[in-house]
Amino acid sequence: GVFKTMCDSILCFCVACGLTCFTCVTTNRLSCTGLTVCSSSSDSCFSIEVAGLITKGCKKRFLCLIPNSCCEGDLCNSAIPTGPSVVLLLVSSAIITLFL
């Protein structure tokens, strides 16, 4: 999660703040700039688009029923999920090419 350093004169200490996700309900991808620090019960960020409506926020991983809708890591839901990553597609293509 995100760590914030809090300083008071001489004494400085670090506080763990939890996962940070983009949060919005919008039809414009560019306008989704809201941020939220998730509660301790949320362990993933989500991003879904249904009928042109984009929704992003925090969620418990086991509640992610739509494939590729959730991710782990701060601000990982900045883009709408589009399926497997490019790296995964390139690696699988290279392996298939080797065996053809």
Protein backbone atom coordinates (compact mmCIF):
# COMPACT_ATOMS: atom_id res chain seq x y z
CA GLY A 1 0.00 0.00 0.00
CA VAL A 2 0.86 3.65 0.11
CA PHE A 3 3.11 4.87 2.89
CA LYS A 4 2.92 8.38 4.25
CA THR A 5 5.68 9.93 6.32
CA MET A 6 4.39 12.00 9.19
CA CYS A 7 6.83 14.37 10.83
CA ASP A 8 6.44 16.32 14.03
CA SER A 9 9.52 18.47 14.75
CA ILE A 10 12.25 15.92 15.43
CA LEU A 11 10.20 12.72 15.44
CA CYS A 12 9.29 11.15 12.09
CA PHE A 13 7.48 7.88 11.60
CA CYS A 14 5.89 5.97 8.76
CA VAL A 15 2.27 4.85 8.70
CA ALA A 16 0.88 2.21 6.31
CA CYS A 17 -2.28 3.56 4.72
CA GLY A 18 -3.58 0.65 2.66
CA LEU A 19 -4.30 0.19 -1.02
CA THR A 20 -5.09 3.28 -3.13
CA CYS A 21 -7.45 2.99 -6.11
CA PHE A 22 -9.01 5.27 -8.69
CA THR A 23 -12.70 5.81 -7.87
CA CYS A 24 -15.44 7.06 -10.17
CA VAL A 25 -18.72 6.43 -11.94
CA THR A 26 -18.55 8.15 -15.33
CA THR A 27 -18.99 7.82 -19.08
CA ASN A 28 -15.74 9.68 -19.81
CA ARG A 29 -12.51 7.72 -19.28
CA LEU A 30 -10.49 10.92 -18.95
CA SER A 31 -12.61 12.24 -16.09
CA CYS A 32 -11.90 9.34 -13.73
CA THR A 33 -9.33 11.03 -11.51
CA GLY A 34 -10.77 10.46 -8.03
CA LEU A 35 -8.56 8.58 -5.57
CA THR A 36 -9.49 6.69 -2.44
CA VAL A 37 -7.57 4.77 0.20
CA CYS A 38 -9.36 1.44 0.53
CA SER A 39 -10.53 0.02 3.82
CA SER A 40 -8.49 -2.80 5.31
CA SER A 41 -11.10 -5.32 4.10
CA SER A 42 -10.52 -4.41 0.42
CA ASP A 43 -7.49 -6.05 -1.15
CA SER A 44 -7.93 -5.11 -4.81
CA CYS A 45 -8.97 -2.30 -7.15
CA PHE A 46 -11.62 -2.82 -9.82
CA SER A 47 -12.55 -1.23 -13.12
CA ILE A 48 -15.58 -2.23 -15.19
CA GLU A 49 -17.43 -0.75 -18.14
CA VAL A 50 -21.04 -1.70 -18.80
CA ALA A 51 -23.13 0.03 -21.48
CA GLY A 52 -20.65 2.93 -21.62
CA LEU A 53 -20.69 3.50 -17.85
CA ILE A 54 -17.25 3.19 -16.24
CA THR A 55 -17.09 2.30 -12.55
CA LYS A 56 -13.86 2.11 -10.53
CA GLY A 57 -13.07 1.60 -6.87
CA CYS A 58 -12.02 -0.84 -4.14
CA LYS A 59 -13.26 -4.39 -3.75
CA LYS A 60 -12.54 -7.67 -1.99
CA ARG A 61 -10.67 -9.92 -4.43
CA PHE A 62 -13.03 -12.88 -3.94
CA LEU A 63 -15.96 -10.70 -5.10
CA CYS A 64 -14.33 -10.07 -8.50
CA LEU A 65 -16.59 -12.22 -10.66
CA ILE A 66 -15.92 -10.53 -14.02
CA PRO A 67 -12.64 -11.78 -15.60
CA ASN A 68 -9.85 -9.17 -15.60
CA SER A 69 -11.96 -6.61 -13.71
CA CYS A 70 -9.78 -6.54 -10.58
CA CYS A 71 -6.09 -5.92 -9.96
CA GLU A 72 -3.75 -5.65 -7.01
CA GLY A 73 -1.45 -2.73 -6.37
CA ASP A 74 -1.80 1.01 -5.89
CA LEU A 75 -3.64 2.76 -8.73
CA CYS A 76 -3.60 -0.40 -10.86
CA ASN A 77 -7.14 0.35 -12.12
CA SER A 78 -6.08 3.40 -14.11
CA ALA A 79 -7.12 1.81 -17.42
CA ILE A 80 -10.12 -0.26 -18.40
CA PRO A 81 -9.04 -3.92 -18.44
CA THR A 82 -8.81 -5.23 -21.99
CA GLY A 83 -7.90 -8.85 -21.39
CA PRO A 84 -4.52 -10.59 -21.17
CA SER A 85 -1.43 -8.43 -20.98
CA VAL A 86 0.65 -7.71 -24.07
CA VAL A 87 3.62 -9.54 -22.54
CA LEU A 88 1.54 -12.68 -22.04
CA LEU A 89 0.32 -12.52 -25.64
CA LEU A 90 3.85 -12.04 -27.00
CA VAL A 91 5.27 -14.92 -24.96
CA SER A 92 2.48 -17.28 -25.97
CA SER A 93 2.88 -16.26 -29.64
CA ALA A 94 6.62 -16.94 -29.49
CA ILE A 95 6.07 -20.38 -27.96
CA ILE A 96 3.47 -21.30 -30.59
CA THR A 97 5.79 -20.10 -33.38
CA LEU A 98 8.60 -22.31 -32.07
CA PHE A 99 6.46 -25.42 -32.26
CA LEU A 100 4.86 -24.83 -35.68
